[in-house]
Amino acid sequence: MDDHRVLTLFYIWRMYINILAMSGATLILVNDFLKRNQERAPLENSHIRDIARGSVIDRIIKSSDNNCIWELRMCRNTFSRLCELLKVQGGLIEDGKLMIEEQVAIFLNILAHHKKNRDIQVTYYRSGETISRYFHNVLFSVLRLHELLLAKPEPVPQDCTDERWKYFKNCLGALDGTYIPVTVSVADSARYRTRKGHLRCFGLLKKRWAILRSPSFYPIKTQNRVILACSLLHNFIRTCMSFDPEEHTPLAGDAIPIGEDANNVIGVVELSNQWTQWRDELATQMFVEWHANRNRA
C-alpha cells in the first residue's frame, strides 16, 4: 500500500473519530438539557398552580362583597375580622403552605355550599389530604371561640307571668321546627333522634349553610362539631354585618340523598310516652285557664 493511500485512510479515520466525539458531546448536551428541563417543569407547574390559587382567593375575597357573600356567606370586612379572630384567639396558624385566608375560605366554602372534597380540589388546586387537614384545623379553631360567640340563653323564670311564656318555666325558648338531618351508625342512631328523627336548629342556619340542609357523611362527632361551628359563625356574622342578606333570601328545598347511603339517614320514630303525657297535660292546663278567663270576661 503506497504512502498516499495510507495517508488518506488516516485522515478518514481521524474524521470518523471526530464525528463520534462530536456526536457523544451532542448527546451529553441534549441529555443535560432534557434533565434540566425535567427538573424545571415541576417548579414551573408549581408556580402556575400558585398563580391559579391566588387568583381564586383574590376573586372571592378581594373583588367585591357580592362574591365574598355568595361564596363564604359574609362580606370582605367580616371575613378579614374572622381570620384575625381565628389567628389571635382560635390558635389558627400559617405553616408555610396555606395562608390563613385560604384555609378559612376553603372551610367556609364547604359549609356554605356543602361541597365535596373533590370539588374543592378542583377549585383551589389542592390535594384531598390537604383540604381535609385544613378543614379540621379551622373547625377546631372555630370551636375554640365558643366562649366568645356562643349565646347564653336565659331560661323562663319560675315567677314568669307573661301569658306567652308562663307555661314554659325553665325552658330556654321555642325553636322553629326546623331540623338538621344527620347520618349516624345504627348503634348510635337512638341517641340522636327527636320526635321526627332529626336534630333541631333554626331555619336561618340552614339558609346560610348548605351543609346543614342534607345528610353529611362525616363521622358523627365531626357532624356535631360542624353544627356547632355553623351556629358560632352565624352569631359572629350577625354581630359584624349591619345588613345580613341571608335573612331576606328564600331557602331552597332540602336535598334528599339518593342511593345506598340514604338508608342510614334517621327516619321517623315513635313518640315517647313521657313526652306525650307532658304535652297533653300542658295543653289541657292551657285550655282550662283560657276557657275560665273567657267565661269571666
C-alpha atoms as a PDB file:
ATOM      1  CA  MET A   1       0.000   0.000   0.000  1.00  0.00           C
ATOM      2  CA  ASP A   2       1.525   3.321  -1.061  1.00  0.00           C
ATOM      3  CA  ASP A   3       2.013   6.263   1.278  1.00  0.00           C
ATOM      4  CA  HIS A   4      -0.727   8.319  -0.348  1.00  0.00           C
ATOM      5  CA  ARG A   5      -3.365   5.669   0.325  1.00  0.00           C
ATOM      6  CA  VAL A   6      -2.231   5.249   3.944  1.00  0.00           C
ATOM      7  CA  LEU A   7      -2.421   8.991   4.492  1.00  0.00           C
ATOM      8  CA  THR A   8      -5.933   9.098   3.022  1.00  0.00           C
ATOM      9  CA  LEU A   9      -7.131   6.295   5.289  1.00  0.00           C
ATOM     10  CA  PHE A  10      -5.559   8.067   8.262  1.00  0.00           C
ATOM     11  CA  TYR A  11      -7.489  11.283   7.558  1.00  0.00           C
ATOM     12  CA  ILE A  12     -10.740   9.369   7.055  1.00  0.00           C
ATOM     13  CA  TRP A  13     -10.255   7.527  10.341  1.00  0.00           C
ATOM     14  CA  ARG A  14      -9.444  10.749  12.200  1.00  0.00           C
ATOM     15  CA  MET A  15     -12.590  12.382  10.752  1.00  0.00           C
ATOM     16  CA  TYR A  16     -14.650   9.393  11.876  1.00  0.00           C
ATOM     17  CA  ILE A  17     -13.210   9.683  15.397  1.00  0.00           C
ATOM     18  CA  ASN A  18     -14.053  13.411  15.480  1.00  0.00           C
ATOM     19  CA  ILE A  19     -17.616  12.744  14.322  1.00  0.00           C
ATOM     20  CA  LEU A  20     -18.066  10.164  17.086  1.00  0.00           C
ATOM     21  CA  ALA A  21     -16.634  12.583  19.630  1.00  0.00           C
ATOM     22  CA  MET A  22     -18.930  15.381  18.452  1.00  0.00           C
ATOM     23  CA  SER A  23     -21.920  13.028  18.488  1.00  0.00           C
ATOM     24  CA  GLY A  24     -21.101  11.954  22.023  1.00  0.00           C
ATOM     25  CA  ALA A  25     -20.727  15.530  23.180  1.00  0.00           C
ATOM     26  CA  THR A  26     -24.024  16.405  21.492  1.00  0.00           C
ATOM     27  CA  LEU A  27     -25.787  13.528  23.225  1.00  0.00           C
ATOM     28  CA  ILE A  28     -24.359  14.658  26.557  1.00  0.00           C
ATOM     29  CA  LEU A  29     -25.558  18.212  25.939  1.00  0.00           C
ATOM     30  CA  VAL A  30     -29.024  17.054  24.853  1.00  0.00           C
ATOM     31  CA  ASN A  31     -29.313  14.777  27.868  1.00  0.00           C
ATOM     32  CA  ASP A  32     -28.217  17.587  30.182  1.00  0.00           C
ATOM     33  CA  PHE A  33     -30.736  19.946  28.556  1.00  0.00           C
ATOM     34  CA  LEU A  34     -33.582  17.451  28.965  1.00  0.00           C
ATOM     35  CA  LYS A  35     -32.606  16.781  32.562  1.00  0.00           C
ATOM     36  CA  ARG A  36     -32.589  20.495  33.414  1.00  0.00           C
ATOM     37  CA  ASN A  37     -35.979  20.963  31.782  1.00  0.00           C
ATOM     38  CA  GLN A  38     -37.420  17.990  33.623  1.00  0.00           C
ATOM     39  CA  GLU A  39     -36.212  19.475  36.892  1.00  0.00           C
ATOM     40  CA  ARG A  40     -37.596  22.877  35.942  1.00  0.00           C
ATOM     41  CA  ALA A  41     -41.029  21.585  34.830  1.00  0.00           C
ATOM     42  CA  PRO A  42     -42.350  20.773  38.341  1.00  0.00           C
ATOM     43  CA  LEU A  43     -41.184  24.181  39.510  1.00  0.00           C
ATOM     44  CA  GLU A  44     -42.945  25.856  36.599  1.00  0.00           C
ATOM     45  CA  ASN A  45     -46.104  23.802  37.204  1.00  0.00           C
ATOM     46  CA  SER A  46     -45.967  24.679  40.885  1.00  0.00           C
ATOM     47  CA  HIS A  47     -45.635  28.345  40.001  1.00  0.00           C
ATOM     48  CA  ILE A  48     -48.646  28.109  37.684  1.00  0.00           C
ATOM     49  CA  ARG A  49     -50.690  26.447  40.442  1.00  0.00           C
ATOM     50  CA  ASP A  50     -49.668  29.164  42.909  1.00  0.00           C
ATOM     51  CA  ILE A  51     -50.856  31.825  40.476  1.00  0.00           C
ATOM     52  CA  ALA A  52     -54.149  29.977  39.952  1.00  0.00           C
ATOM     53  CA  ARG A  53     -54.700  29.612  43.706  1.00  0.00           C
ATOM     54  CA  GLY A  54     -54.014  33.282  44.254  1.00  0.00           C
ATOM     55  CA  SER A  55     -56.469  34.140  41.511  1.00  0.00           C
ATOM     56  CA  VAL A  56     -59.202  32.094  43.187  1.00  0.00           C
ATOM     57  CA  ILE A  57     -58.658  33.748  46.573  1.00  0.00           C
ATOM     58  CA  ASP A  58     -58.494  37.216  45.030  1.00  0.00           C
ATOM     59  CA  ARG A  59     -61.732  36.636  43.139  1.00  0.00           C
ATOM     60  CA  ILE A  60     -63.528  35.621  46.330  1.00  0.00           C
ATOM     61  CA  ILE A  61     -62.230  37.985  48.990  1.00  0.00           C
ATOM     62  CA  LYS A  62     -60.869  40.980  47.061  1.00  0.00           C
ATOM     63  CA  SER A  63     -63.056  41.593  44.035  1.00  0.00           C
ATOM     64  CA  SER A  64     -66.374  42.523  45.696  1.00  0.00           C
ATOM     65  CA  ASP A  65     -68.581  41.958  48.725  1.00  0.00           C
ATOM     66  CA  ASN A  66     -71.119  40.203  46.493  1.00  0.00           C
ATOM     67  CA  ASN A  67     -68.641  37.479  45.556  1.00  0.00           C
ATOM     68  CA  CYS A  68     -67.497  37.064  49.145  1.00  0.00           C
ATOM     69  CA  ILE A  69     -71.050  36.835  50.485  1.00  0.00           C
ATOM     70  CA  TRP A  70     -72.062  34.343  47.821  1.00  0.00           C
ATOM     71  CA  GLU A  71     -69.047  32.085  48.291  1.00  0.00           C
ATOM     72  CA  LEU A  72     -68.394  32.461  52.035  1.00  0.00           C
ATOM     73  CA  ARG A  73     -71.655  33.922  53.428  1.00  0.00           C
ATOM     74  CA  MET A  74     -70.012  37.085  54.753  1.00  0.00           C
ATOM     75  CA  CYS A  75     -68.680  40.376  53.436  1.00  0.00           C
ATOM     76  CA  ARG A  76     -64.976  41.012  52.946  1.00  0.00           C
ATOM     77  CA  ASN A  77     -64.586  43.039  56.121  1.00  0.00           C
ATOM     78  CA  THR A  78     -66.292  40.337  58.205  1.00  0.00           C
ATOM     79  CA  PHE A  79     -64.113  37.669  56.587  1.00  0.00           C
ATOM     80  CA  SER A  80     -60.980  39.655  57.438  1.00  0.00           C
ATOM     81  CA  ARG A  81     -62.110  40.067  61.046  1.00  0.00           C
ATOM     82  CA  LEU A  82     -62.878  36.346  61.295  1.00  0.00           C
ATOM     83  CA  CYS A  83     -59.401  35.411  60.025  1.00  0.00           C
ATOM     84  CA  GLU A  84     -57.809  37.710  62.595  1.00  0.00           C
ATOM     85  CA  LEU A  85     -60.003  36.323  65.394  1.00  0.00           C
ATOM     86  CA  LEU A  86     -59.182  32.726  64.460  1.00  0.00           C
ATOM     87  CA  LYS A  87     -55.491  33.593  64.392  1.00  0.00           C
ATOM     88  CA  VAL A  88     -55.389  35.517  67.681  1.00  0.00           C
ATOM     89  CA  GLN A  89     -57.922  33.621  69.793  1.00  0.00           C
ATOM     90  CA  GLY A  90     -58.605  30.428  67.850  1.00  0.00           C
ATOM     91  CA  GLY A  91     -54.991  29.342  67.533  1.00  0.00           C
ATOM     92  CA  LEU A  92     -55.059  29.043  63.733  1.00  0.00           C
ATOM     93  CA  ILE A  93     -51.571  29.308  62.251  1.00  0.00           C
ATOM     94  CA  GLU A  94     -49.836  29.676  58.901  1.00  0.00           C
ATOM     95  CA  ASP A  95     -47.455  26.780  58.423  1.00  0.00           C
ATOM     96  CA  GLY A  96     -45.832  27.986  55.232  1.00  0.00           C
ATOM     97  CA  LYS A  97     -48.167  26.038  52.948  1.00  0.00           C
ATOM     98  CA  LEU A  98     -51.577  27.747  53.148  1.00  0.00           C
ATOM     99  CA  MET A  99     -52.246  31.295  54.192  1.00  0.00           C
ATOM    100  CA  ILE A 100     -54.895  31.707  56.882  1.00  0.00           C
ATOM    101  CA  GLU A 101     -57.199  33.387  54.356  1.00  0.00           C
ATOM    102  CA  GLU A 102     -57.087  30.336  52.092  1.00  0.00           C
ATOM    103  CA  GLN A 103     -57.621  27.919  54.995  1.00  0.00           C
ATOM    104  CA  VAL A 104     -60.684  29.821  56.193  1.00  0.00           C
ATOM    105  CA  ALA A 105     -62.042  30.300  52.666  1.00  0.00           C
ATOM    106  CA  ILE A 106     -61.872  26.556  51.976  1.00  0.00           C
ATOM    107  CA  PHE A 107     -63.637  25.805  55.265  1.00  0.00           C
ATOM    108  CA  LEU A 108     -66.408  28.356  54.703  1.00  0.00           C
ATOM    109  CA  ASN A 109     -66.853  27.269  51.091  1.00  0.00           C
ATOM    110  CA  ILE A 110     -67.526  23.712  52.217  1.00  0.00           C
ATOM    111  CA  LEU A 111     -70.046  24.831  54.859  1.00  0.00           C
ATOM    112  CA  ALA A 112     -71.797  27.351  52.630  1.00  0.00           C
ATOM    113  CA  HIS A 113     -72.299  25.076  49.628  1.00  0.00           C
ATOM    114  CA  HIS A 114     -71.809  21.567  51.064  1.00  0.00           C
ATOM    115  CA  LYS A 115     -69.072  20.988  48.514  1.00  0.00           C
ATOM    116  CA  LYS A 116     -67.316  17.658  48.455  1.00  0.00           C
ATOM    117  CA  ASN A 117     -63.579  17.297  48.888  1.00  0.00           C
ATOM    118  CA  ARG A 118     -63.031  16.545  45.204  1.00  0.00           C
ATOM    119  CA  ASP A 119     -64.873  19.740  44.181  1.00  0.00           C
ATOM    120  CA  ILE A 120     -62.662  21.837  46.447  1.00  0.00           C
ATOM    121  CA  GLN A 121     -59.592  20.107  44.989  1.00  0.00           C
ATOM    122  CA  VAL A 122     -60.537  21.415  41.541  1.00  0.00           C
ATOM    123  CA  THR A 123     -61.400  24.915  42.749  1.00  0.00           C
ATOM    124  CA  TYR A 124     -58.363  25.525  44.957  1.00  0.00           C
ATOM    125  CA  TYR A 125     -55.756  23.318  43.242  1.00  0.00           C
ATOM    126  CA  ARG A 126     -55.056  21.398  46.450  1.00  0.00           C
ATOM    127  CA  SER A 127     -54.836  17.707  47.241  1.00  0.00           C
ATOM    128  CA  GLY A 128     -57.652  15.916  49.047  1.00  0.00           C
ATOM    129  CA  GLU A 129     -55.433  15.274  52.054  1.00  0.00           C
ATOM    130  CA  THR A 130     -54.516  18.964  52.306  1.00  0.00           C
ATOM    131  CA  ILE A 131     -58.148  20.049  52.138  1.00  0.00           C
ATOM    132  CA  SER A 132     -59.226  17.545  54.791  1.00  0.00           C
ATOM    133  CA  ARG A 133     -56.392  18.502  57.136  1.00  0.00           C
ATOM    134  CA  TYR A 134     -57.015  22.244  56.968  1.00  0.00           C
ATOM    135  CA  PHE A 135     -60.793  21.811  57.162  1.00  0.00           C
ATOM    136  CA  HIS A 136     -60.366  20.171  60.552  1.00  0.00           C
ATOM    137  CA  ASN A 137     -57.749  22.719  61.627  1.00  0.00           C
ATOM    138  CA  VAL A 138     -60.161  25.590  61.002  1.00  0.00           C
ATOM    139  CA  LEU A 139     -63.070  23.651  62.505  1.00  0.00           C
ATOM    140  CA  PHE A 140     -61.256  23.246  65.824  1.00  0.00           C
ATOM    141  CA  SER A 141     -60.143  26.879  65.742  1.00  0.00           C
ATOM    142  CA  VAL A 142     -63.777  27.997  65.339  1.00  0.00           C
ATOM    143  CA  LEU A 143     -64.861  25.773  68.226  1.00  0.00           C
ATOM    144  CA  ARG A 144     -62.238  27.397  70.457  1.00  0.00           C
ATOM    145  CA  LEU A 145     -64.238  30.623  70.101  1.00  0.00           C
ATOM    146  CA  HIS A 146     -67.338  29.154  71.761  1.00  0.00           C
ATOM    147  CA  GLU A 147     -66.875  31.152  74.952  1.00  0.00           C
ATOM    148  CA  LEU A 148     -66.853  34.330  72.886  1.00  0.00           C
ATOM    149  CA  LEU A 149     -69.530  33.537  70.282  1.00  0.00           C
ATOM    150  CA  LEU A 150     -71.938  31.110  71.909  1.00  0.00           C
ATOM    151  CA  ALA A 151     -75.141  32.827  73.010  1.00  0.00           C
ATOM    152  CA  LYS A 152     -76.117  32.022  76.590  1.00  0.00           C
ATOM    153  CA  PRO A 153     -79.940  31.917  76.781  1.00  0.00           C
ATOM    154  CA  GLU A 154     -81.819  32.679  79.974  1.00  0.00           C
ATOM    155  CA  PRO A 155     -84.477  30.133  80.992  1.00  0.00           C
ATOM    156  CA  VAL A 156     -88.067  31.215  81.564  1.00  0.00           C
ATOM    157  CA  PRO A 157     -88.188  32.112  85.302  1.00  0.00           C
ATOM    158  CA  GLN A 158     -90.448  30.313  87.752  1.00  0.00           C
ATOM    159  CA  ASP A 159     -92.321  33.524  88.599  1.00  0.00           C
ATOM    160  CA  CYS A 160     -92.983  34.459  84.958  1.00  0.00           C
ATOM    161  CA  THR A 161     -96.461  35.963  84.441  1.00  0.00           C
ATOM    162  CA  ASP A 162     -96.200  36.596  80.708  1.00  0.00           C
ATOM    163  CA  GLU A 163     -99.144  34.795  79.097  1.00  0.00           C
ATOM    164  CA  ARG A 164     -96.959  33.662  76.219  1.00  0.00           C
ATOM    165  CA  TRP A 165     -94.265  32.041  78.367  1.00  0.00           C
ATOM    166  CA  LYS A 166     -95.559  31.281  81.854  1.00  0.00           C
ATOM    167  CA  TYR A 167     -96.403  27.677  80.918  1.00  0.00           C
ATOM    168  CA  PHE A 168     -92.812  27.000  79.860  1.00  0.00           C
ATOM    169  CA  LYS A 169     -90.937  27.622  83.115  1.00  0.00           C
ATOM    170  CA  ASN A 170     -87.223  26.689  82.961  1.00  0.00           C
ATOM    171  CA  CYS A 171     -87.406  26.328  79.173  1.00  0.00           C
ATOM    172  CA  LEU A 172     -84.733  28.112  77.157  1.00  0.00           C
ATOM    173  CA  GLY A 173     -87.087  29.164  74.383  1.00  0.00           C
ATOM    174  CA  ALA A 174     -89.018  27.815  71.437  1.00  0.00           C
ATOM    175  CA  LEU A 175     -87.415  26.516  68.269  1.00  0.00           C
ATOM    176  CA  ASP A 176     -88.919  26.999  64.860  1.00  0.00           C
ATOM    177  CA  GLY A 177     -89.479  23.361  63.938  1.00  0.00           C
ATOM    178  CA  THR A 178     -86.539  23.112  61.532  1.00  0.00           C
ATOM    179  CA  TYR A 179     -84.362  20.031  61.683  1.00  0.00           C
ATOM    180  CA  ILE A 180     -80.835  19.145  60.633  1.00  0.00           C
ATOM    181  CA  PRO A 181     -80.536  15.685  59.063  1.00  0.00           C
ATOM    182  CA  VAL A 182     -77.513  13.723  60.215  1.00  0.00           C
ATOM    183  CA  THR A 183     -76.110  10.335  59.321  1.00  0.00           C
ATOM    184  CA  VAL A 184     -75.116   8.034  62.165  1.00  0.00           C
ATOM    185  CA  SER A 185     -74.337   4.387  62.645  1.00  0.00           C
ATOM    186  CA  VAL A 186     -77.177   2.036  63.516  1.00  0.00           C
ATOM    187  CA  ALA A 187     -75.759   1.574  67.013  1.00  0.00           C
ATOM    188  CA  ASP A 188     -75.772   5.336  67.721  1.00  0.00           C
ATOM    189  CA  SER A 189     -78.987   6.287  65.955  1.00  0.00           C
ATOM    190  CA  ALA A 190     -81.255   6.268  69.031  1.00  0.00           C
ATOM    191  CA  ARG A 191     -79.101   8.856  70.810  1.00  0.00           C
ATOM    192  CA  TYR A 192     -79.645  11.445  68.080  1.00  0.00           C
ATOM    193  CA  ARG A 193     -83.358  11.094  67.386  1.00  0.00           C
ATOM    194  CA  THR A 194     -86.032  13.630  68.167  1.00  0.00           C
ATOM    195  CA  ARG A 195     -89.728  13.091  67.551  1.00  0.00           C
ATOM    196  CA  LYS A 196     -89.094  13.342  63.805  1.00  0.00           C
ATOM    197  CA  GLY A 197     -85.687  11.692  63.799  1.00  0.00           C
ATOM    198  CA  HIS A 198     -83.576  14.790  63.278  1.00  0.00           C
ATOM    199  CA  LEU A 199     -81.534  17.324  65.186  1.00  0.00           C
ATOM    200  CA  ARG A 200     -83.341  20.651  65.556  1.00  0.00           C
ATOM    201  CA  CYS A 201     -81.899  24.024  64.635  1.00  0.00           C
ATOM    202  CA  PHE A 202     -83.028  27.450  63.495  1.00  0.00           C
ATOM    203  CA  GLY A 203     -84.068  27.745  59.859  1.00  0.00           C
ATOM    204  CA  LEU A 204     -81.752  30.686  59.180  1.00  0.00           C
ATOM    205  CA  LEU A 205     -78.759  28.451  59.843  1.00  0.00           C
ATOM    206  CA  LYS A 206     -79.875  26.164  57.044  1.00  0.00           C
ATOM    207  CA  LYS A 207     -80.374  29.128  54.739  1.00  0.00           C
ATOM    208  CA  ARG A 208     -76.814  30.219  55.362  1.00  0.00           C
ATOM    209  CA  TRP A 209     -75.020  26.859  55.498  1.00  0.00           C
ATOM    210  CA  ALA A 210     -75.989  24.299  52.856  1.00  0.00           C
ATOM    211  CA  ILE A 211     -74.081  21.595  54.727  1.00  0.00           C
ATOM    212  CA  LEU A 212     -76.986  21.568  57.234  1.00  0.00           C
ATOM    213  CA  ARG A 213     -79.686  21.015  54.604  1.00  0.00           C
ATOM    214  CA  SER A 214     -78.881  17.420  53.745  1.00  0.00           C
ATOM    215  CA  PRO A 215     -77.195  14.491  55.483  1.00  0.00           C
ATOM    216  CA  SER A 216     -73.447  14.769  55.790  1.00  0.00           C
ATOM    217  CA  PHE A 217     -71.329  11.652  55.817  1.00  0.00           C
ATOM    218  CA  TYR A 218     -68.582  12.885  58.089  1.00  0.00           C
ATOM    219  CA  PRO A 219     -68.180  10.861  61.308  1.00  0.00           C
ATOM    220  CA  ILE A 220     -70.966  11.741  63.756  1.00  0.00           C
ATOM    221  CA  LYS A 221     -68.573  13.618  66.085  1.00  0.00           C
ATOM    222  CA  THR A 222     -67.482  15.790  63.185  1.00  0.00           C
ATOM    223  CA  GLN A 223     -71.109  16.373  62.169  1.00  0.00           C
ATOM    224  CA  ASN A 224     -71.918  17.601  65.674  1.00  0.00           C
ATOM    225  CA  ARG A 225     -68.884  19.885  65.641  1.00  0.00           C
ATOM    226  CA  VAL A 226     -69.865  21.262  62.235  1.00  0.00           C
ATOM    227  CA  ILE A 227     -73.364  22.113  63.521  1.00  0.00           C
ATOM    228  CA  LEU A 228     -71.888  23.972  66.484  1.00  0.00           C
ATOM    229  CA  ALA A 229     -69.355  25.740  64.256  1.00  0.00           C
ATOM    230  CA  CYS A 230     -72.151  26.874  61.930  1.00  0.00           C
ATOM    231  CA  SER A 231     -74.021  28.300  64.925  1.00  0.00           C
ATOM    232  CA  LEU A 232     -70.933  30.140  66.193  1.00  0.00           C
ATOM    233  CA  LEU A 233     -70.193  31.584  62.759  1.00  0.00           C
ATOM    234  CA  HIS A 234     -73.832  32.591  62.414  1.00  0.00           C
ATOM    235  CA  ASN A 235     -73.594  34.567  65.655  1.00  0.00           C
ATOM    236  CA  PHE A 236     -70.333  36.156  64.520  1.00  0.00           C
ATOM    237  CA  ILE A 237     -71.802  37.227  61.179  1.00  0.00           C
ATOM    238  CA  ARG A 238     -74.883  38.768  62.769  1.00  0.00           C
ATOM    239  CA  THR A 239     -72.651  40.687  65.146  1.00  0.00           C
ATOM    240  CA  CYS A 240     -70.317  42.042  62.462  1.00  0.00           C
ATOM    241  CA  MET A 241     -72.592  42.640  59.467  1.00  0.00           C
ATOM    242  CA  SER A 242     -75.063  45.509  59.736  1.00  0.00           C
ATOM    243  CA  PHE A 243     -77.125  44.019  56.891  1.00  0.00           C
ATOM    244  CA  ASP A 244     -77.449  40.267  56.537  1.00  0.00           C
ATOM    245  CA  PRO A 245     -78.750  39.320  53.066  1.00  0.00           C
ATOM    246  CA  GLU A 246     -79.410  35.751  54.181  1.00  0.00           C
ATOM    247  CA  GLU A 247     -82.362  36.987  56.214  1.00  0.00           C
ATOM    248  CA  HIS A 248     -84.043  38.172  53.018  1.00  0.00           C
ATOM    249  CA  THR A 249     -83.370  35.244  50.704  1.00  0.00           C
ATOM    250  CA  PRO A 250     -85.591  32.147  50.311  1.00  0.00           C
ATOM    251  CA  LEU A 251     -84.419  28.729  51.423  1.00  0.00           C
ATOM    252  CA  ALA A 252     -84.202  26.141  48.675  1.00  0.00           C
ATOM    253  CA  GLY A 253     -85.883  22.814  49.259  1.00  0.00           C
ATOM    254  CA  ASP A 254     -83.936  20.364  51.385  1.00  0.00           C
ATOM    255  CA  ALA A 255     -81.791  17.936  49.454  1.00  0.00           C
ATOM    256  CA  ILE A 256     -82.506  14.259  49.969  1.00  0.00           C
ATOM    257  CA  PRO A 257     -79.655  11.824  49.333  1.00  0.00           C
ATOM    258  CA  ILE A 258     -80.184   9.139  46.717  1.00  0.00           C
ATOM    259  CA  GLY A 259     -78.544   5.747  46.822  1.00  0.00           C
ATOM    260  CA  GLU A 260     -77.399   3.257  49.427  1.00  0.00           C
ATOM    261  CA  ASP A 261     -76.179   5.936  51.855  1.00  0.00           C
ATOM    262  CA  ALA A 262     -79.703   7.308  52.114  1.00  0.00           C
ATOM    263  CA  ASN A 263     -80.736   4.187  54.023  1.00  0.00           C
ATOM    264  CA  ASN A 264     -78.637   5.287  57.008  1.00  0.00           C
ATOM    265  CA  VAL A 265     -80.403   8.623  57.437  1.00  0.00           C
ATOM    266  CA  ILE A 266     -82.507   8.693  60.596  1.00  0.00           C
ATOM    267  CA  GLY A 267     -86.211   8.370  59.893  1.00  0.00           C
ATOM    268  CA  VAL A 268     -89.380   8.945  61.901  1.00  0.00           C
ATOM    269  CA  VAL A 269     -89.641   7.206  65.284  1.00  0.00           C
ATOM    270  CA  GLU A 270     -92.445   6.628  67.738  1.00  0.00           C
ATOM    271  CA  LEU A 271     -93.326   9.328  70.265  1.00  0.00           C
ATOM    272  CA  SER A 272     -92.209   8.780  73.846  1.00  0.00           C
ATOM    273  CA  ASN A 273     -94.982   8.246  76.396  1.00  0.00           C
ATOM    274  CA  GLN A 274     -93.399  10.687  78.830  1.00  0.00           C
ATOM    275  CA  TRP A 275     -93.247  13.492  76.293  1.00  0.00           C
ATOM    276  CA  THR A 276     -96.775  12.814  75.050  1.00  0.00           C
ATOM    277  CA  GLN A 277     -98.186  12.885  78.583  1.00  0.00           C
ATOM    278  CA  TRP A 278     -96.407  16.147  79.448  1.00  0.00           C
ATOM    279  CA  ARG A 279     -97.569  17.768  76.226  1.00  0.00           C
ATOM    280  CA  ASP A 280    -101.189  16.689  76.719  1.00  0.00           C
ATOM    281  CA  GLU A 281    -101.267  17.832  80.338  1.00  0.00           C
ATOM    282  CA  LEU A 282     -99.828  21.215  79.373  1.00  0.00           C
ATOM    283  CA  ALA A 283    -102.327  21.641  76.541  1.00  0.00           C
ATOM    284  CA  THR A 284    -105.182  20.744  78.877  1.00  0.00           C
ATOM    285  CA  GLN A 285    -103.993  23.225  81.518  1.00  0.00           C
ATOM    286  CA  MET A 286    -103.688  25.997  78.951  1.00  0.00           C
ATOM    287  CA  PHE A 287    -107.151  25.280  77.560  1.00  0.00           C
ATOM    288  CA  VAL A 288    -108.793  25.186  81.023  1.00  0.00           C
ATOM    289  CA  GLU A 289    -107.261  28.515  82.022  1.00  0.00           C
ATOM    290  CA  TRP A 290    -108.146  30.096  78.686  1.00  0.00           C
ATOM    291  CA  HIS A 291    -111.729  28.861  78.946  1.00  0.00           C
ATOM    292  CA  ALA A 292    -112.043  30.110  82.558  1.00  0.00           C
ATOM    293  CA  ASN A 293    -110.692  33.558  81.626  1.00  0.00           C
ATOM    294  CA  ARG A 294    -113.071  33.727  78.680  1.00  0.00           C
ATOM    295  CA  ASN A 295    -116.090  32.931  80.871  1.00  0.00           C
ATOM    296  CA  ARG A 296    -115.086  35.583  83.424  1.00  0.00           C
ATOM    297  CA  ALA A 297    -114.851  38.130  80.649  1.00  0.00           C
END
